[in-house]
Amino acid sequence: MMLTNFTKFNSTKYNSLPEVNVASRILQQHPNFAELLGKIYFLTKAHSIELGVQLIYRHMQVDEVKVMIEKFQFHQNASAFITSVSFPTDQVYPASWLLEDDGKLTVFEYSIDILVKRTFEKLIKNPSIFVEICDLIRDYHFENLLAPCITARDSLKHFEKENGFMETTDFKSNASIVKNMKNSQIVDDKNAIINTMWAYSVSDNCFGDDNHCPLHCRHCLHCDSRIH
């Protein structure tokens, strides 16, 4: 696999992605998911590399010259990772990727976090484990469902990892917001909770927990976009 377009975003590709409930339903019907995750966990643990996979779905429509960028902010007096549509700068770094049909990669989402930058630089110097994870995703035919992602975040020091994370969508600001579960709106319907990231916790500075599913999405069936 070539790391071509390793830093490029394709808005046409992104806008064609399914909504979160559709993507999750397809994933649940796909065989060998647990087997694939086991192999990815083994690789990331054995090599202590901050990588995982996340569910591929569209947050919102993205204009041609813009990209999806994650930033740490305080939202309603709580720590939050806020992902929204913005113009790219030289201070954003790829945090997750889409596997294209031609064996190439395009960026799924960017981040400004310093540990994303450092992990990305490690991948550039030695991409072998990253490439192996991408190959596994393709071998198991999950390339349209799972995006390899960097799980390291310096900003995690502002969160309580053991509390878990919940993603919701703020339609007023047109942004995806990730907070600790205790700071998110309580959801009575467990069917409205969708797993969106899977990772082995190789350090205190990366997403991951004992259940290997550190991030969930609160999906509202009345929303046209993913719930966050």
C-alpha atoms as a PDB file:
ATOM      1  CA  MET A   1       0.000   0.000   0.000  1.00  0.00           C
ATOM      2  CA  MET A   2       1.282   3.446  -0.925  1.00  0.00           C
ATOM      3  CA  LEU A   3       0.917   6.361   1.490  1.00  0.00           C
ATOM      4  CA  THR A   4      -0.221   8.576  -1.381  1.00  0.00           C
ATOM      5  CA  ASN A   5      -2.519  11.477  -0.470  1.00  0.00           C
ATOM      6  CA  PHE A   6      -1.683  10.643   3.136  1.00  0.00           C
ATOM      7  CA  THR A   7      -2.433  14.255   4.110  1.00  0.00           C
ATOM      8  CA  LYS A   8      -5.147  15.164   1.571  1.00  0.00           C
ATOM      9  CA  PHE A   9      -8.892  15.514   2.166  1.00  0.00           C
ATOM     10  CA  ASN A  10     -11.535  14.587  -0.426  1.00  0.00           C
ATOM     11  CA  SER A  11     -14.780  16.452   0.267  1.00  0.00           C
ATOM     12  CA  THR A  12     -16.667  14.567  -2.447  1.00  0.00           C
ATOM     13  CA  LYS A  13     -15.722  11.267  -0.837  1.00  0.00           C
ATOM     14  CA  TYR A  14     -16.574  12.550   2.637  1.00  0.00           C
ATOM     15  CA  ASN A  15     -19.987  13.881   1.615  1.00  0.00           C
ATOM     16  CA  SER A  16     -20.896  10.493   0.145  1.00  0.00           C
ATOM     17  CA  LEU A  17     -20.370   8.668   3.455  1.00  0.00           C
ATOM     18  CA  PRO A  18     -23.419   7.185   5.234  1.00  0.00           C
ATOM     19  CA  GLU A  19     -25.017   8.511   8.397  1.00  0.00           C
ATOM     20  CA  VAL A  20     -23.933   6.939  11.670  1.00  0.00           C
ATOM     21  CA  ASN A  21     -26.951   4.673  12.193  1.00  0.00           C
ATOM     22  CA  VAL A  22     -26.638   3.283   8.669  1.00  0.00           C
ATOM     23  CA  ALA A  23     -22.903   2.654   9.048  1.00  0.00           C
ATOM     24  CA  SER A  24     -23.388   0.980  12.431  1.00  0.00           C
ATOM     25  CA  ARG A  25     -26.128  -1.297  11.108  1.00  0.00           C
ATOM     26  CA  ILE A  26     -23.942  -2.445   8.209  1.00  0.00           C
ATOM     27  CA  LEU A  27     -21.011  -3.033  10.570  1.00  0.00           C
ATOM     28  CA  GLN A  28     -23.120  -5.200  12.878  1.00  0.00           C
ATOM     29  CA  GLN A  29     -24.051  -7.425   9.941  1.00  0.00           C
ATOM     30  CA  HIS A  30     -20.434  -7.874   8.867  1.00  0.00           C
ATOM     31  CA  PRO A  31     -18.759 -11.145   9.938  1.00  0.00           C
ATOM     32  CA  ASN A  32     -15.344 -11.438  11.595  1.00  0.00           C
ATOM     33  CA  PHE A  33     -15.390  -7.991  13.216  1.00  0.00           C
ATOM     34  CA  ALA A  34     -14.204  -9.299  16.593  1.00  0.00           C
ATOM     35  CA  GLU A  35     -11.439 -11.314  14.926  1.00  0.00           C
ATOM     36  CA  LEU A  36     -10.185  -8.236  13.078  1.00  0.00           C
ATOM     37  CA  LEU A  37     -10.230  -6.123  16.235  1.00  0.00           C
ATOM     38  CA  GLY A  38      -8.284  -8.787  18.104  1.00  0.00           C
ATOM     39  CA  LYS A  39      -5.498  -8.645  15.539  1.00  0.00           C
ATOM     40  CA  ILE A  40      -5.411  -4.844  15.585  1.00  0.00           C
ATOM     41  CA  TYR A  41      -5.324  -4.781  19.403  1.00  0.00           C
ATOM     42  CA  PHE A  42      -2.454  -7.270  19.361  1.00  0.00           C
ATOM     43  CA  LEU A  43      -0.419  -5.105  16.981  1.00  0.00           C
ATOM     44  CA  THR A  44      -0.983  -1.836  18.823  1.00  0.00           C
ATOM     45  CA  LYS A  45      -0.256  -3.410  22.208  1.00  0.00           C
ATOM     46  CA  ALA A  46       2.839  -5.281  21.032  1.00  0.00           C
ATOM     47  CA  HIS A  47       4.319  -2.168  19.445  1.00  0.00           C
ATOM     48  CA  SER A  48       2.895   0.382  21.936  1.00  0.00           C
ATOM     49  CA  ILE A  49       1.569   2.479  19.085  1.00  0.00           C
ATOM     50  CA  GLU A  50      -1.389   4.824  19.549  1.00  0.00           C
ATOM     51  CA  LEU A  51      -3.622   3.542  16.763  1.00  0.00           C
ATOM     52  CA  GLY A  52      -7.169   2.247  16.620  1.00  0.00           C
ATOM     53  CA  VAL A  53     -10.133   2.227  14.261  1.00  0.00           C
ATOM     54  CA  GLN A  54     -13.251   4.326  14.104  1.00  0.00           C
ATOM     55  CA  LEU A  55     -16.584   3.929  12.386  1.00  0.00           C
ATOM     56  CA  ILE A  56     -16.754   5.685   9.026  1.00  0.00           C
ATOM     57  CA  TYR A  57     -19.721   8.014   8.739  1.00  0.00           C
ATOM     58  CA  ARG A  58     -20.558  11.565   7.747  1.00  0.00           C
ATOM     59  CA  HIS A  59     -20.853  14.245  10.418  1.00  0.00           C
ATOM     60  CA  MET A  60     -22.116  16.945   8.071  1.00  0.00           C
ATOM     61  CA  GLN A  61     -21.654  18.278   4.550  1.00  0.00           C
ATOM     62  CA  VAL A  62     -18.220  19.740   3.823  1.00  0.00           C
ATOM     63  CA  ASP A  63     -17.535  22.455   1.241  1.00  0.00           C
ATOM     64  CA  GLU A  64     -14.908  21.677  -1.377  1.00  0.00           C
ATOM     65  CA  VAL A  65     -12.174  23.890   0.095  1.00  0.00           C
ATOM     66  CA  LYS A  66     -12.777  22.927   3.735  1.00  0.00           C
ATOM     67  CA  VAL A  67     -12.014  19.898   5.931  1.00  0.00           C
ATOM     68  CA  MET A  68     -13.099  18.322   9.232  1.00  0.00           C
ATOM     69  CA  ILE A  69     -10.909  19.550  12.109  1.00  0.00           C
ATOM     70  CA  GLU A  70     -10.975  18.427  15.753  1.00  0.00           C
ATOM     71  CA  LYS A  71     -10.010  20.970  18.425  1.00  0.00           C
ATOM     72  CA  PHE A  72      -9.991  20.895  22.207  1.00  0.00           C
ATOM     73  CA  GLN A  73     -12.272  23.504  23.770  1.00  0.00           C
ATOM     74  CA  PHE A  74     -14.457  24.031  26.798  1.00  0.00           C
ATOM     75  CA  HIS A  75     -18.148  23.635  25.990  1.00  0.00           C
ATOM     76  CA  GLN A  76     -20.762  24.563  28.587  1.00  0.00           C
ATOM     77  CA  ASN A  77     -18.031  24.536  31.253  1.00  0.00           C
ATOM     78  CA  ALA A  78     -16.902  21.012  30.332  1.00  0.00           C
ATOM     79  CA  SER A  79     -13.851  19.741  28.446  1.00  0.00           C
ATOM     80  CA  ALA A  80     -14.719  18.805  24.884  1.00  0.00           C
ATOM     81  CA  PHE A  81     -13.262  17.704  21.583  1.00  0.00           C
ATOM     82  CA  ILE A  82     -15.159  19.697  18.969  1.00  0.00           C
ATOM     83  CA  THR A  83     -14.968  18.662  15.325  1.00  0.00           C
ATOM     84  CA  SER A  84     -16.310  21.077  12.740  1.00  0.00           C
ATOM     85  CA  VAL A  85     -15.872  22.197   9.149  1.00  0.00           C
ATOM     86  CA  SER A  86     -13.044  24.675   8.707  1.00  0.00           C
ATOM     87  CA  PHE A  87     -10.286  25.815   6.374  1.00  0.00           C
ATOM     88  CA  PRO A  88      -7.083  23.751   6.683  1.00  0.00           C
ATOM     89  CA  THR A  89      -3.896  25.364   7.990  1.00  0.00           C
ATOM     90  CA  ASP A  90      -0.326  24.195   8.489  1.00  0.00           C
ATOM     91  CA  GLN A  91      -1.220  23.542  12.142  1.00  0.00           C
ATOM     92  CA  VAL A  92      -3.579  20.632  11.463  1.00  0.00           C
ATOM     93  CA  TYR A  93      -2.490  16.998  11.242  1.00  0.00           C
ATOM     94  CA  PRO A  94      -4.210  13.887   9.898  1.00  0.00           C
ATOM     95  CA  ALA A  95      -5.882  11.936  12.703  1.00  0.00           C
ATOM     96  CA  SER A  96      -7.776   9.311  10.694  1.00  0.00           C
ATOM     97  CA  TRP A  97      -7.906   8.036   7.139  1.00  0.00           C
ATOM     98  CA  LEU A  98     -10.214   6.563   4.516  1.00  0.00           C
ATOM     99  CA  LEU A  99      -8.927   3.598   2.535  1.00  0.00           C
ATOM    100  CA  GLU A 100      -9.541   4.193  -1.162  1.00  0.00           C
ATOM    101  CA  ASP A 101     -10.281   1.501  -3.743  1.00  0.00           C
ATOM    102  CA  ASP A 102      -6.969   2.077  -5.527  1.00  0.00           C
ATOM    103  CA  GLY A 103      -4.920   1.286  -2.434  1.00  0.00           C
ATOM    104  CA  LYS A 104      -4.351   4.932  -1.594  1.00  0.00           C
ATOM    105  CA  LEU A 105      -5.403   6.916   1.479  1.00  0.00           C
ATOM    106  CA  THR A 106      -7.223  10.189   2.026  1.00  0.00           C
ATOM    107  CA  VAL A 107      -7.773  11.953   5.334  1.00  0.00           C
ATOM    108  CA  PHE A 108     -11.017  11.387   7.238  1.00  0.00           C
ATOM    109  CA  GLU A 109     -10.484  13.971   9.996  1.00  0.00           C
ATOM    110  CA  TYR A 110      -7.681  16.279  11.161  1.00  0.00           C
ATOM    111  CA  SER A 111      -6.631  17.437  14.628  1.00  0.00           C
ATOM    112  CA  ILE A 112      -4.504  20.240  16.074  1.00  0.00           C
ATOM    113  CA  ASP A 113      -3.414  18.139  19.075  1.00  0.00           C
ATOM    114  CA  ILE A 114       0.360  17.964  19.599  1.00  0.00           C
ATOM    115  CA  LEU A 115       0.305  14.206  20.257  1.00  0.00           C
ATOM    116  CA  VAL A 116      -1.529  13.634  16.990  1.00  0.00           C
ATOM    117  CA  LYS A 117       1.319  15.505  15.320  1.00  0.00           C
ATOM    118  CA  ARG A 118       3.966  13.418  17.103  1.00  0.00           C
ATOM    119  CA  THR A 119       2.251  10.118  16.341  1.00  0.00           C
ATOM    120  CA  PHE A 120       1.758  11.149  12.719  1.00  0.00           C
ATOM    121  CA  GLU A 121       5.469  11.950  12.470  1.00  0.00           C
ATOM    122  CA  LYS A 122       6.262   8.483  13.857  1.00  0.00           C
ATOM    123  CA  LEU A 123       4.050   6.938  11.181  1.00  0.00           C
ATOM    124  CA  ILE A 124       5.884   8.862   8.482  1.00  0.00           C
ATOM    125  CA  LYS A 125       9.257   7.592   9.735  1.00  0.00           C
ATOM    126  CA  ASN A 126       8.108   4.017  10.227  1.00  0.00           C
ATOM    127  CA  PRO A 127       4.742   3.236   8.606  1.00  0.00           C
ATOM    128  CA  SER A 128       5.012  -0.566   8.816  1.00  0.00           C
ATOM    129  CA  ILE A 129       2.481  -1.158  11.636  1.00  0.00           C
ATOM    130  CA  PHE A 130       0.073   1.415  10.221  1.00  0.00           C
ATOM    131  CA  VAL A 131       0.301  -0.248   6.811  1.00  0.00           C
ATOM    132  CA  GLU A 132      -0.255  -3.654   8.419  1.00  0.00           C
ATOM    133  CA  ILE A 133      -3.425  -2.376  10.115  1.00  0.00           C
ATOM    134  CA  CYS A 134      -4.652  -0.946   6.810  1.00  0.00           C
ATOM    135  CA  ASP A 135      -3.935  -4.267   5.108  1.00  0.00           C
ATOM    136  CA  LEU A 136      -5.897  -6.116   7.789  1.00  0.00           C
ATOM    137  CA  ILE A 137      -8.869  -3.805   7.288  1.00  0.00           C
ATOM    138  CA  ARG A 138      -8.765  -4.531   3.559  1.00  0.00           C
ATOM    139  CA  ASP A 139      -8.208  -8.272   3.996  1.00  0.00           C
ATOM    140  CA  TYR A 140     -11.333  -8.467   6.170  1.00  0.00           C
ATOM    141  CA  HIS A 141     -13.255  -6.182   3.759  1.00  0.00           C
ATOM    142  CA  PHE A 142     -13.949  -3.415   6.267  1.00  0.00           C
ATOM    143  CA  GLU A 143     -12.426  -0.606   4.173  1.00  0.00           C
ATOM    144  CA  ASN A 144     -15.805   1.119   3.772  1.00  0.00           C
ATOM    145  CA  LEU A 145     -16.665   0.767   7.461  1.00  0.00           C
ATOM    146  CA  LEU A 146     -13.517   1.344   9.528  1.00  0.00           C
ATOM    147  CA  ALA A 147     -10.941   4.131   9.395  1.00  0.00           C
ATOM    148  CA  PRO A 148      -7.490   3.663  10.957  1.00  0.00           C
ATOM    149  CA  CYS A 149      -7.016   6.483  13.441  1.00  0.00           C
ATOM    150  CA  ILE A 150      -4.526   8.030  15.840  1.00  0.00           C
ATOM    151  CA  THR A 151      -5.764   7.670  19.413  1.00  0.00           C
ATOM    152  CA  ALA A 152      -3.170   9.829  21.210  1.00  0.00           C
ATOM    153  CA  ARG A 153      -4.345  13.212  22.524  1.00  0.00           C
ATOM    154  CA  ASP A 154      -2.437  15.545  24.828  1.00  0.00           C
ATOM    155  CA  SER A 155      -5.796  17.159  25.652  1.00  0.00           C
ATOM    156  CA  LEU A 156      -7.019  13.928  27.281  1.00  0.00           C
ATOM    157  CA  LYS A 157      -5.385  15.232  30.468  1.00  0.00           C
ATOM    158  CA  HIS A 158      -8.446  17.478  30.785  1.00  0.00           C
ATOM    159  CA  PHE A 159     -10.841  14.499  30.807  1.00  0.00           C
ATOM    160  CA  GLU A 160     -11.629  11.537  33.055  1.00  0.00           C
ATOM    161  CA  LYS A 161     -10.857   8.562  30.823  1.00  0.00           C
ATOM    162  CA  GLU A 162     -12.498   6.082  33.172  1.00  0.00           C
ATOM    163  CA  ASN A 163     -15.792   7.941  32.739  1.00  0.00           C
ATOM    164  CA  GLY A 164     -15.981   7.121  29.038  1.00  0.00           C
ATOM    165  CA  PHE A 165     -16.807   9.445  26.175  1.00  0.00           C
ATOM    166  CA  MET A 166     -20.001  10.391  24.377  1.00  0.00           C
ATOM    167  CA  GLU A 167     -20.304  12.168  21.053  1.00  0.00           C
ATOM    168  CA  THR A 168     -23.286  14.382  20.239  1.00  0.00           C
ATOM    169  CA  THR A 169     -24.118  16.818  17.462  1.00  0.00           C
ATOM    170  CA  ASP A 170     -24.769  20.482  18.064  1.00  0.00           C
ATOM    171  CA  PHE A 171     -26.838  21.533  15.070  1.00  0.00           C
ATOM    172  CA  LYS A 172     -26.761  25.208  16.061  1.00  0.00           C
ATOM    173  CA  SER A 173     -22.997  25.367  15.672  1.00  0.00           C
ATOM    174  CA  ASN A 174     -22.878  22.524  13.124  1.00  0.00           C
ATOM    175  CA  ALA A 175     -20.284  20.644  15.136  1.00  0.00           C
ATOM    176  CA  SER A 176     -19.593  17.221  16.623  1.00  0.00           C
ATOM    177  CA  ILE A 177     -18.886  17.414  20.360  1.00  0.00           C
ATOM    178  CA  VAL A 178     -17.156  14.705  22.414  1.00  0.00           C
ATOM    179  CA  LYS A 179     -17.352  14.943  26.212  1.00  0.00           C
ATOM    180  CA  ASN A 180     -17.072  12.643  29.195  1.00  0.00           C
ATOM    181  CA  MET A 181     -20.306  10.700  29.553  1.00  0.00           C
ATOM    182  CA  LYS A 182     -21.130  12.379  32.856  1.00  0.00           C
ATOM    183  CA  ASN A 183     -21.140  15.736  31.055  1.00  0.00           C
ATOM    184  CA  SER A 184     -23.315  14.513  28.201  1.00  0.00           C
ATOM    185  CA  GLN A 185     -27.059  14.364  28.010  1.00  0.00           C
ATOM    186  CA  ILE A 186     -28.398  11.132  29.510  1.00  0.00           C
ATOM    187  CA  VAL A 187     -29.950   8.771  27.001  1.00  0.00           C
ATOM    188  CA  ASP A 188     -32.630   6.363  28.207  1.00  0.00           C
ATOM    189  CA  ASP A 189     -32.778   4.362  24.984  1.00  0.00           C
ATOM    190  CA  LYS A 190     -29.704   2.122  24.876  1.00  0.00           C
ATOM    191  CA  ASN A 191     -30.413   1.479  21.189  1.00  0.00           C
ATOM    192  CA  ALA A 192     -29.605   5.147  20.590  1.00  0.00           C
ATOM    193  CA  ILE A 193     -26.011   4.581  21.727  1.00  0.00           C
ATOM    194  CA  ILE A 194     -23.659   3.605  18.918  1.00  0.00           C
ATOM    195  CA  ASN A 195     -20.029   2.522  19.311  1.00  0.00           C
ATOM    196  CA  THR A 196     -17.818   4.624  17.053  1.00  0.00           C
ATOM    197  CA  MET A 197     -14.209   3.891  18.085  1.00  0.00           C
ATOM    198  CA  TRP A 198     -12.252   0.811  19.115  1.00  0.00           C
ATOM    199  CA  ALA A 199      -8.750   1.009  20.573  1.00  0.00           C
ATOM    200  CA  TYR A 200      -6.356  -0.636  23.006  1.00  0.00           C
ATOM    201  CA  SER A 201      -5.155   1.835  25.630  1.00  0.00           C
ATOM    202  CA  VAL A 202      -1.378   1.795  25.269  1.00  0.00           C
ATOM    203  CA  SER A 203      -0.905   4.872  27.484  1.00  0.00           C
ATOM    204  CA  ASP A 204      -2.767   7.373  29.639  1.00  0.00           C
ATOM    205  CA  ASN A 205      -2.615   9.822  26.755  1.00  0.00           C
ATOM    206  CA  CYS A 206      -4.700   7.874  24.281  1.00  0.00           C
ATOM    207  CA  PHE A 207      -8.288   6.787  23.823  1.00  0.00           C
ATOM    208  CA  GLY A 208      -8.932   3.240  24.972  1.00  0.00           C
ATOM    209  CA  ASP A 209     -10.351   1.381  27.955  1.00  0.00           C
ATOM    210  CA  ASP A 210     -10.753  -2.120  29.346  1.00  0.00           C
ATOM    211  CA  ASN A 211     -13.617  -2.758  26.939  1.00  0.00           C
ATOM    212  CA  HIS A 212     -11.588  -1.378  24.002  1.00  0.00           C
ATOM    213  CA  CYS A 213     -14.528   0.819  22.968  1.00  0.00           C
ATOM    214  CA  PRO A 214     -13.845   4.262  24.428  1.00  0.00           C
ATOM    215  CA  LEU A 215     -16.113   6.400  22.271  1.00  0.00           C
ATOM    216  CA  HIS A 216     -19.858   6.226  21.716  1.00  0.00           C
ATOM    217  CA  CYS A 217     -22.284   8.284  19.682  1.00  0.00           C
ATOM    218  CA  ARG A 218     -25.744   9.320  20.856  1.00  0.00           C
ATOM    219  CA  HIS A 219     -27.976   8.901  17.813  1.00  0.00           C
ATOM    220  CA  CYS A 220     -31.295  10.707  17.521  1.00  0.00           C
ATOM    221  CA  LEU A 221     -33.594   9.048  15.016  1.00  0.00           C
ATOM    222  CA  HIS A 222     -35.106  12.439  14.210  1.00  0.00           C
ATOM    223  CA  CYS A 223     -31.774  13.917  13.128  1.00  0.00           C
ATOM    224  CA  ASP A 224     -30.650  13.948   9.534  1.00  0.00           C
ATOM    225  CA  SER A 225     -27.022  13.835  10.550  1.00  0.00           C
ATOM    226  CA  ARG A 226     -25.063  11.911  13.074  1.00  0.00           C
ATOM    227  CA  ILE A 227     -25.673  12.571  16.626  1.00  0.00           C
ATOM    228  CA  HIS A 228     -23.064  13.627  18.609  1.00  0.00           C
END
